[in-house]
PDB file of N, CA and C in Angstrom:
ATOM      1  N   MET A   1     -54.791-134.263 -37.539  1.00  0.00           N
ATOM      2  CA  MET A   1     -55.178-133.594 -36.306  1.00  0.00           C
ATOM      3  C   MET A   1     -55.913-132.299 -36.679  1.00  0.00           C
ATOM      4  N   ALA A   2     -56.897-131.962 -35.896  1.00  0.00           N
ATOM      5  CA  ALA A   2     -57.687-130.755 -36.131  1.00  0.00           C
ATOM      6  C   ALA A   2     -57.548-129.803 -34.952  1.00  0.00           C
ATOM      7  N   TYR A   3     -58.058-128.626 -35.157  1.00  0.00           N
ATOM      8  CA  TYR A   3     -58.160-127.666 -34.069  1.00  0.00           C
ATOM      9  C   TYR A   3     -59.526-127.829 -33.421  1.00  0.00           C
ATOM     10  N   VAL A   4     -59.644-127.383 -32.168  1.00  0.00           N
ATOM     11  CA  VAL A   4     -60.853-127.561 -31.370  1.00  0.00           C
ATOM     12  C   VAL A   4     -61.205-126.222 -30.719  1.00  0.00           C
ATOM     13  N   ILE A   5     -62.486-125.899 -30.714  1.00  0.00           N
ATOM     14  CA  ILE A   5     -62.959-124.706 -30.013  1.00  0.00           C
ATOM     15  C   ILE A   5     -63.521-125.157 -28.669  1.00  0.00           C
ATOM     16  N   ALA A   6     -63.043-124.517 -27.607  1.00  0.00           N
ATOM     17  CA  ALA A   6     -63.402-124.937 -26.246  1.00  0.00           C
ATOM     18  C   ALA A   6     -64.256-123.881 -25.536  1.00  0.00           C
ATOM     19  N   GLU A   7     -64.421-124.074 -24.253  1.00  0.00           N
ATOM     20  CA  GLU A   7     -65.350-123.313 -23.412  1.00  0.00           C
ATOM     21  C   GLU A   7     -65.277-121.786 -23.504  1.00  0.00           C
ATOM     22  N   PRO A   8     -64.116-121.177 -23.661  1.00  0.00           N
ATOM     23  CA  PRO A   8     -64.110-119.710 -23.699  1.00  0.00           C
ATOM     24  C   PRO A   8     -64.963-119.101 -24.822  1.00  0.00           C
ATOM     25  N   CYS A   9     -65.318-119.893 -25.817  1.00  0.00           N
ATOM     26  CA  CYS A   9     -66.147-119.395 -26.921  1.00  0.00           C
ATOM     27  C   CYS A   9     -67.631-119.302 -26.548  1.00  0.00           C
ATOM     28  N   ILE A  10     -68.034-119.994 -25.507  1.00  0.00           N
ATOM     29  CA  ILE A  10     -69.453-120.020 -25.156  1.00  0.00           C
ATOM     30  C   ILE A  10     -69.977-118.605 -24.939  1.00  0.00           C
ATOM     31  N   ASN A  11     -71.073-118.320 -25.634  1.00  0.00           N
ATOM     32  CA  ASN A  11     -71.763-117.025 -25.615  1.00  0.00           C
ATOM     33  C   ASN A  11     -70.930-115.863 -26.146  1.00  0.00           C
ATOM     34  N   VAL A  12     -69.796-116.162 -26.796  1.00  0.00           N
ATOM     35  CA  VAL A  12     -68.991-115.126 -27.437  1.00  0.00           C
ATOM     36  C   VAL A  12     -69.185-115.208 -28.948  1.00  0.00           C
ATOM     37  N   LYS A  13     -68.866-116.356 -29.518  1.00  0.00           N
ATOM     38  CA  LYS A  13     -69.043-116.649 -30.942  1.00  0.00           C
ATOM     39  C   LYS A  13     -68.497-115.558 -31.855  1.00  0.00           C
ATOM     40  N   ASP A  14     -67.323-115.043 -31.522  1.00  0.00           N
ATOM     41  CA  ASP A  14     -66.658-114.056 -32.361  1.00  0.00           C
ATOM     42  C   ASP A  14     -66.393-114.669 -33.738  1.00  0.00           C
ATOM     43  N   GLN A  15     -66.546-113.903 -34.774  1.00  0.00           N
ATOM     44  CA  GLN A  15     -66.450-114.410 -36.143  1.00  0.00           C
ATOM     45  C   GLN A  15     -65.060-114.278 -36.765  1.00  0.00           C
ATOM     46  N   ALA A  16     -64.075-113.799 -36.017  1.00  0.00           N
ATOM     47  CA  ALA A  16     -62.727-113.623 -36.573  1.00  0.00           C
ATOM     48  C   ALA A  16     -62.173-114.940 -37.108  1.00  0.00           C
ATOM     49  N   CYS A  17     -62.410-116.027 -36.404  1.00  0.00           N
ATOM     50  CA  CYS A  17     -61.896-117.322 -36.846  1.00  0.00           C
ATOM     51  C   CYS A  17     -62.571-117.783 -38.131  1.00  0.00           C
ATOM     52  N   VAL A  18     -63.853-117.512 -38.258  1.00  0.00           N
ATOM     53  CA  VAL A  18     -64.606-117.876 -39.458  1.00  0.00           C
ATOM     54  C   VAL A  18     -64.022-117.141 -40.668  1.00  0.00           C
ATOM     55  N   GLU A  19     -63.706-115.882 -40.475  1.00  0.00           N
ATOM     56  CA  GLU A  19     -63.214-115.044 -41.565  1.00  0.00           C
ATOM     57  C   GLU A  19     -61.855-115.491 -42.092  1.00  0.00           C
ATOM     58  N   VAL A  20     -60.993-116.047 -41.238  1.00  0.00           N
ATOM     59  CA  VAL A  20     -59.648-116.428 -41.688  1.00  0.00           C
ATOM     60  C   VAL A  20     -59.528-117.896 -42.097  1.00  0.00           C
ATOM     61  N   CYS A  21     -60.543-118.702 -41.834  1.00  0.00           N
ATOM     62  CA  CYS A  21     -60.456-120.131 -42.158  1.00  0.00           C
ATOM     63  C   CYS A  21     -60.457-120.323 -43.679  1.00  0.00           C
ATOM     64  N   PRO A  22     -59.383-120.905 -44.226  1.00  0.00           N
ATOM     65  CA  PRO A  22     -59.307-121.062 -45.683  1.00  0.00           C
ATOM     66  C   PRO A  22     -60.196-122.176 -46.245  1.00  0.00           C
ATOM     67  N   VAL A  23     -60.724-123.043 -45.384  1.00  0.00           N
ATOM     68  CA  VAL A  23     -61.551-124.157 -45.866  1.00  0.00           C
ATOM     69  C   VAL A  23     -62.987-124.102 -45.341  1.00  0.00           C
ATOM     70  N   ASP A  24     -63.372-123.006 -44.690  1.00  0.00           N
ATOM     71  CA  ASP A  24     -64.740-122.811 -44.200  1.00  0.00           C
ATOM     72  C   ASP A  24     -65.223-123.988 -43.358  1.00  0.00           C
ATOM     73  N   CYS A  25     -64.433-124.370 -42.363  1.00  0.00           N
ATOM     74  CA  CYS A  25     -64.804-125.519 -41.531  1.00  0.00           C
ATOM     75  C   CYS A  25     -65.305-125.127 -40.145  1.00  0.00           C
ATOM     76  N   ILE A  26     -65.524-123.830 -39.903  1.00  0.00           N
ATOM     77  CA  ILE A  26     -65.999-123.365 -38.599  1.00  0.00           C
ATOM     78  C   ILE A  26     -67.455-122.941 -38.735  1.00  0.00           C
ATOM     79  N   HIS A  27     -68.305-123.568 -37.928  1.00  0.00           N
ATOM     80  CA  HIS A  27     -69.752-123.322 -38.002  1.00  0.00           C
ATOM     81  C   HIS A  27     -70.354-123.383 -36.606  1.00  0.00           C
ATOM     82  N   PRO A  28     -71.553-122.909 -36.393  1.00  0.00           N
ATOM     83  CA  PRO A  28     -72.337-122.113 -37.336  1.00  0.00           C
ATOM     84  C   PRO A  28     -71.828-120.683 -37.330  1.00  0.00           C
ATOM     85  N   HIS A  29     -71.855-120.041 -38.472  1.00  0.00           N
ATOM     86  CA  HIS A  29     -71.493-118.637 -38.491  1.00  0.00           C
ATOM     87  C   HIS A  29     -72.729-117.798 -38.758  1.00  0.00           C
ATOM     88  N   GLN A  30     -72.586-116.503 -38.570  1.00  0.00           N
ATOM     89  CA  GLN A  30     -73.745-115.610 -38.730  1.00  0.00           C
ATOM     90  C   GLN A  30     -74.372-115.836 -40.092  1.00  0.00           C
ATOM     91  N   GLY A  31     -75.692-115.925 -40.081  1.00  0.00           N
ATOM     92  CA  GLY A  31     -76.426-116.165 -41.306  1.00  0.00           C
ATOM     93  C   GLY A  31     -76.856-117.605 -41.466  1.00  0.00           C
ATOM     94  N   GLU A  32     -76.247-118.514 -40.724  1.00  0.00           N
ATOM     95  CA  GLU A  32     -76.667-119.915 -40.773  1.00  0.00           C
ATOM     96  C   GLU A  32     -77.829-120.114 -39.801  1.00  0.00           C
ATOM     97  N   PRO A  33     -78.752-121.012 -40.134  1.00  0.00           N
ATOM     98  CA  PRO A  33     -79.981-121.181 -39.349  1.00  0.00           C
ATOM     99  C   PRO A  33     -79.777-121.448 -37.859  1.00  0.00           C
ATOM    100  N   ASP A  34     -78.761-122.208 -37.480  1.00  0.00           N
ATOM    101  CA  ASP A  34     -78.622-122.558 -36.061  1.00  0.00           C
ATOM    102  C   ASP A  34     -77.650-121.659 -35.301  1.00  0.00           C
ATOM    103  N   PHE A  35     -77.216-120.551 -35.893  1.00  0.00           N
ATOM    104  CA  PHE A  35     -76.270-119.661 -35.214  1.00  0.00           C
ATOM    105  C   PHE A  35     -76.804-119.187 -33.864  1.00  0.00           C
ATOM    106  N   GLU A  36     -78.036-118.746 -33.820  1.00  0.00           N
ATOM    107  CA  GLU A  36     -78.606-118.215 -32.572  1.00  0.00           C
ATOM    108  C   GLU A  36     -78.847-119.304 -31.529  1.00  0.00           C
ATOM    109  N   ASN A  37     -79.041-120.534 -31.959  1.00  0.00           N
ATOM    110  CA  ASN A  37     -79.367-121.624 -31.033  1.00  0.00           C
ATOM    111  C   ASN A  37     -78.146-122.304 -30.423  1.00  0.00           C
ATOM    112  N   GLU A  38     -77.004-122.154 -31.029  1.00  0.00           N
ATOM    113  CA  GLU A  38     -75.792-122.796 -30.521  1.00  0.00           C
ATOM    114  C   GLU A  38     -75.045-121.857 -29.584  1.00  0.00           C
ATOM    115  N   PRO A  39     -74.507-122.383 -28.494  1.00  0.00           N
ATOM    116  CA  PRO A  39     -73.806-121.525 -27.539  1.00  0.00           C
ATOM    117  C   PRO A  39     -72.393-121.141 -27.978  1.00  0.00           C
ATOM    118  N   GLN A  40     -71.846-121.852 -28.966  1.00  0.00           N
ATOM    119  CA  GLN A  40     -70.472-121.607 -29.377  1.00  0.00           C
ATOM    120  C   GLN A  40     -70.295-121.989 -30.842  1.00  0.00           C
ATOM    121  N   LEU A  41     -69.099-121.752 -31.363  1.00  0.00           N
ATOM    122  CA  LEU A  41     -68.737-122.187 -32.705  1.00  0.00           C
ATOM    123  C   LEU A  41     -68.015-123.527 -32.586  1.00  0.00           C
ATOM    124  N   TYR A  42     -67.956-124.268 -33.701  1.00  0.00           N
ATOM    125  CA  TYR A  42     -67.319-125.584 -33.718  1.00  0.00           C
ATOM    126  C   TYR A  42     -66.460-125.724 -34.965  1.00  0.00           C
ATOM    127  N   ILE A  43     -65.405-126.510 -34.868  1.00  0.00           N
ATOM    128  CA  ILE A  43     -64.537-126.793 -36.009  1.00  0.00           C
ATOM    129  C   ILE A  43     -64.785-128.222 -36.459  1.00  0.00           C
ATOM    130  N   ASN A  44     -65.040-128.385 -37.754  1.00  0.00           N
ATOM    131  CA  ASN A  44     -65.268-129.714 -38.314  1.00  0.00           C
ATOM    132  C   ASN A  44     -63.922-130.439 -38.399  1.00  0.00           C
ATOM    133  N   PRO A  45     -63.740-131.506 -37.623  1.00  0.00           N
ATOM    134  CA  PRO A  45     -62.444-132.191 -37.602  1.00  0.00           C
ATOM    135  C   PRO A  45     -62.114-132.896 -38.913  1.00  0.00           C
ATOM    136  N   ASP A  46     -63.111-133.202 -39.720  1.00  0.00           N
ATOM    137  CA  ASP A  46     -62.870-133.861 -40.994  1.00  0.00           C
ATOM    138  C   ASP A  46     -62.460-132.876 -42.085  1.00  0.00           C
ATOM    139  N   GLU A  47     -62.743-131.606 -41.890  1.00  0.00           N
ATOM    140  CA  GLU A  47     -62.420-130.596 -42.899  1.00  0.00           C
ATOM    141  C   GLU A  47     -61.248-129.705 -42.509  1.00  0.00           C
ATOM    142  N   CYS A  48     -60.949-129.622 -41.222  1.00  0.00           N
ATOM    143  CA  CYS A  48     -59.854-128.777 -40.742  1.00  0.00           C
ATOM    144  C   CYS A  48     -58.532-129.258 -41.343  1.00  0.00           C
ATOM    145  N   ILE A  49     -57.753-128.317 -41.885  1.00  0.00           N
ATOM    146  CA  ILE A  49     -56.471-128.677 -42.492  1.00  0.00           C
ATOM    147  C   ILE A  49     -55.297-128.388 -41.562  1.00  0.00           C
ATOM    148  N   ASP A  50     -55.585-128.083 -40.303  1.00  0.00           N
ATOM    149  CA  ASP A  50     -54.548-127.893 -39.296  1.00  0.00           C
ATOM    150  C   ASP A  50     -53.607-126.733 -39.627  1.00  0.00           C
ATOM    151  N   CYS A  51     -54.155-125.670 -40.211  1.00  0.00           N
ATOM    152  CA  CYS A  51     -53.301-124.545 -40.597  1.00  0.00           C
ATOM    153  C   CYS A  51     -53.014-123.599 -39.433  1.00  0.00           C
ATOM    154  N   GLY A  52     -53.905-123.568 -38.438  1.00  0.00           N
ATOM    155  CA  GLY A  52     -53.707-122.727 -37.273  1.00  0.00           C
ATOM    156  C   GLY A  52     -54.102-121.273 -37.437  1.00  0.00           C
ATOM    157  N   ALA A  53     -54.636-120.900 -38.590  1.00  0.00           N
ATOM    158  CA  ALA A  53     -55.013-119.503 -38.814  1.00  0.00           C
ATOM    159  C   ALA A  53     -56.031-119.014 -37.791  1.00  0.00           C
ATOM    160  N   CYS A  54     -56.940-119.876 -37.402  1.00  0.00           N
ATOM    161  CA  CYS A  54     -58.007-119.499 -36.470  1.00  0.00           C
ATOM    162  C   CYS A  54     -57.490-119.243 -35.052  1.00  0.00           C
ATOM    163  N   GLU A  55     -56.522-120.013 -34.639  1.00  0.00           N
ATOM    164  CA  GLU A  55     -56.035-119.931 -33.263  1.00  0.00           C
ATOM    165  C   GLU A  55     -55.513-118.536 -32.923  1.00  0.00           C
ATOM    166  N   SER A  56     -54.754-117.962 -33.798  1.00  0.00           N
ATOM    167  CA  SER A  56     -54.118-116.681 -33.497  1.00  0.00           C
ATOM    168  C   SER A  56     -55.079-115.493 -33.494  1.00  0.00           C
ATOM    169  N   VAL A  57     -56.239-115.621 -34.136  1.00  0.00           N
ATOM    170  CA  VAL A  57     -57.178-114.491 -34.185  1.00  0.00           C
ATOM    171  C   VAL A  57     -58.292-114.579 -33.143  1.00  0.00           C
ATOM    172  N   CYS A  58     -58.373-115.667 -32.423  1.00  0.00           N
ATOM    173  CA  CYS A  58     -59.439-115.829 -31.425  1.00  0.00           C
ATOM    174  C   CYS A  58     -59.224-114.862 -30.260  1.00  0.00           C
ATOM    175  N   PRO A  59     -60.168-113.933 -30.040  1.00  0.00           N
ATOM    176  CA  PRO A  59     -59.976-112.938 -28.981  1.00  0.00           C
ATOM    177  C   PRO A  59     -60.101-113.494 -27.560  1.00  0.00           C
ATOM    178  N   VAL A  60     -60.670-114.682 -27.412  1.00  0.00           N
ATOM    179  CA  VAL A  60     -60.829-115.255 -26.072  1.00  0.00           C
ATOM    180  C   VAL A  60     -59.965-116.503 -25.872  1.00  0.00           C
ATOM    181  N   GLN A  61     -59.071-116.769 -26.800  1.00  0.00           N
ATOM    182  CA  GLN A  61     -58.140-117.903 -26.723  1.00  0.00           C
ATOM    183  C   GLN A  61     -58.870-119.214 -26.444  1.00  0.00           C
ATOM    184  N   ALA A  62     -59.869-119.498 -27.300  1.00  0.00           N
ATOM    185  CA  ALA A  62     -60.688-120.703 -27.144  1.00  0.00           C
ATOM    186  C   ALA A  62     -60.289-121.823 -28.098  1.00  0.00           C
ATOM    187  N   ILE A  63     -59.325-121.578 -28.982  1.00  0.00           N
ATOM    188  CA  ILE A  63     -58.989-122.551 -30.018  1.00  0.00           C
ATOM    189  C   ILE A  63     -57.626-123.172 -29.743  1.00  0.00           C
ATOM    190  N   PHE A  64     -57.612-124.528 -29.811  1.00  0.00           N
ATOM    191  CA  PHE A  64     -56.401-125.283 -29.492  1.00  0.00           C
ATOM    192  C   PHE A  64     -56.197-126.404 -30.502  1.00  0.00           C
ATOM    193  N   PRO A  65     -54.932-126.771 -30.765  1.00  0.00           N
ATOM    194  CA  PRO A  65     -54.713-128.012 -31.514  1.00  0.00           C
ATOM    195  C   PRO A  65     -55.298-129.159 -30.677  1.00  0.00           C
ATOM    196  N   GLU A  66     -55.832-130.158 -31.338  1.00  0.00           N
ATOM    197  CA  GLU A  66     -56.496-131.248 -30.613  1.00  0.00           C
ATOM    198  C   GLU A  66     -55.605-131.870 -29.542  1.00  0.00           C
ATOM    199  N   ASP A  67     -54.328-131.999 -29.808  1.00  0.00           N
ATOM    200  CA  ASP A  67     -53.430-132.627 -28.833  1.00  0.00           C
ATOM    201  C   ASP A  67     -52.957-131.666 -27.740  1.00  0.00           C
ATOM    202  N   ALA A  68     -53.451-130.422 -27.762  1.00  0.00           N
ATOM    203  CA  ALA A  68     -53.052-129.442 -26.754  1.00  0.00           C
ATOM    204  C   ALA A  68     -54.246-128.824 -26.021  1.00  0.00           C
ATOM    205  N   VAL A  69     -55.415-129.427 -26.160  1.00  0.00           N
ATOM    206  CA  VAL A  69     -56.593-128.924 -25.445  1.00  0.00           C
ATOM    207  C   VAL A  69     -56.350-129.111 -23.946  1.00  0.00           C
ATOM    208  N   PRO A  70     -56.522-128.060 -23.158  1.00  0.00           N
ATOM    209  CA  PRO A  70     -56.333-128.202 -21.704  1.00  0.00           C
ATOM    210  C   PRO A  70     -57.220-129.312 -21.134  1.00  0.00           C
ATOM    211  N   GLU A  71     -56.723-129.973 -20.143  1.00  0.00           N
ATOM    212  CA  GLU A  71     -57.401-131.136 -19.548  1.00  0.00           C
ATOM    213  C   GLU A  71     -58.861-130.842 -19.203  1.00  0.00           C
ATOM    214  N   GLU A  72     -59.132-129.677 -18.623  1.00  0.00           N
ATOM    215  CA  GLU A  72     -60.498-129.365 -18.197  1.00  0.00           C
ATOM    216  C   GLU A  72     -61.465-129.178 -19.370  1.00  0.00           C
ATOM    217  N   TRP A  73     -60.930-129.063 -20.592  1.00  0.00           N
ATOM    218  CA  TRP A  73     -61.778-128.858 -21.766  1.00  0.00           C
ATOM    219  C   TRP A  73     -61.678-129.998 -22.786  1.00  0.00           C
ATOM    220  N   LYS A  74     -61.124-131.120 -22.392  1.00  0.00           N
ATOM    221  CA  LYS A  74     -60.982-132.268 -23.309  1.00  0.00           C
ATOM    222  C   LYS A  74     -62.324-132.706 -23.894  1.00  0.00           C
ATOM    223  N   SER A  75     -63.414-132.528 -23.167  1.00  0.00           N
ATOM    224  CA  SER A  75     -64.728-132.937 -23.670  1.00  0.00           C
ATOM    225  C   SER A  75     -65.130-132.155 -24.918  1.00  0.00           C
ATOM    226  N   TYR A  76     -64.512-131.021 -25.153  1.00  0.00           N
ATOM    227  CA  TYR A  76     -64.836-130.219 -26.332  1.00  0.00           C
ATOM    228  C   TYR A  76     -64.316-130.839 -27.622  1.00  0.00           C
ATOM    229  N   ILE A  77     -63.404-131.765 -27.535  1.00  0.00           N
ATOM    230  CA  ILE A  77     -62.950-132.481 -28.733  1.00  0.00           C
ATOM    231  C   ILE A  77     -64.149-133.228 -29.320  1.00  0.00           C
ATOM    232  N   GLU A  78     -64.859-133.954 -28.478  1.00  0.00           N
ATOM    233  CA  GLU A  78     -66.038-134.694 -28.927  1.00  0.00           C
ATOM    234  C   GLU A  78     -67.195-133.756 -29.264  1.00  0.00           C
ATOM    235  N   LYS A  79     -67.351-132.672 -28.511  1.00  0.00           N
ATOM    236  CA  LYS A  79     -68.442-131.728 -28.787  1.00  0.00           C
ATOM    237  C   LYS A  79     -68.289-131.105 -30.171  1.00  0.00           C
ATOM    238  N   ASN A  80     -67.068-130.787 -30.563  1.00  0.00           N
ATOM    239  CA  ASN A  80     -66.850-130.236 -31.900  1.00  0.00           C
ATOM    240  C   ASN A  80     -67.227-131.256 -32.961  1.00  0.00           C
ATOM    241  N   ALA A  81     -66.774-132.478 -32.816  1.00  0.00           N
ATOM    242  CA  ALA A  81     -67.079-133.525 -33.793  1.00  0.00           C
ATOM    243  C   ALA A  81     -68.576-133.819 -33.834  1.00  0.00           C
ATOM    244  N   ALA A  82     -69.217-133.874 -32.673  1.00  0.00           N
ATOM    245  CA  ALA A  82     -70.633-134.215 -32.588  1.00  0.00           C
ATOM    246  C   ALA A  82     -71.508-133.201 -33.305  1.00  0.00           C
ATOM    247  N   TYR A  83     -71.136-131.939 -33.289  1.00  0.00           N
ATOM    248  CA  TYR A  83     -71.935-130.926 -33.971  1.00  0.00           C
ATOM    249  C   TYR A  83     -72.098-131.255 -35.455  1.00  0.00           C
ATOM    250  N   PHE A  84     -71.086-131.828 -36.055  1.00  0.00           N
ATOM    251  CA  PHE A  84     -71.110-132.125 -37.495  1.00  0.00           C
ATOM    252  C   PHE A  84     -71.679-133.494 -37.809  1.00  0.00           C
ATOM    253  N   GLN A  85     -72.029-134.258 -36.794  1.00  0.00           N
ATOM    254  CA  GLN A  85     -72.626-135.579 -37.006  1.00  0.00           C
ATOM    255  C   GLN A  85     -74.145-135.542 -36.972  1.00  0.00           C
ATOM    256  N   LYS A  86     -74.719-134.371 -36.706  1.00  0.00           N
ATOM    257  CA  LYS A  86     -76.179-134.302 -36.629  1.00  0.00           C
ATOM    258  C   LYS A  86     -76.821-134.095 -37.978  1.00  0.00           C
TER     259      LYS A  86
END
């Protein structure tokens, strides 16, 4: 199971989660080519080790374990995965 970044991250893209991720699975971060073009950050479900470090530092409470994503944001499970399939 992975963590998922949902709607509260849109147009915020705070980097606190990127800084604490031990496996660098949150993208795009500042300095990456598509950072300015993406509305939010995404967690790679294939690389996430389910440590939860990112969840506690998110200032807008946008990060959830995949099985606890609020119903209204369930579509973000696929949006996170899709970002890494391009």
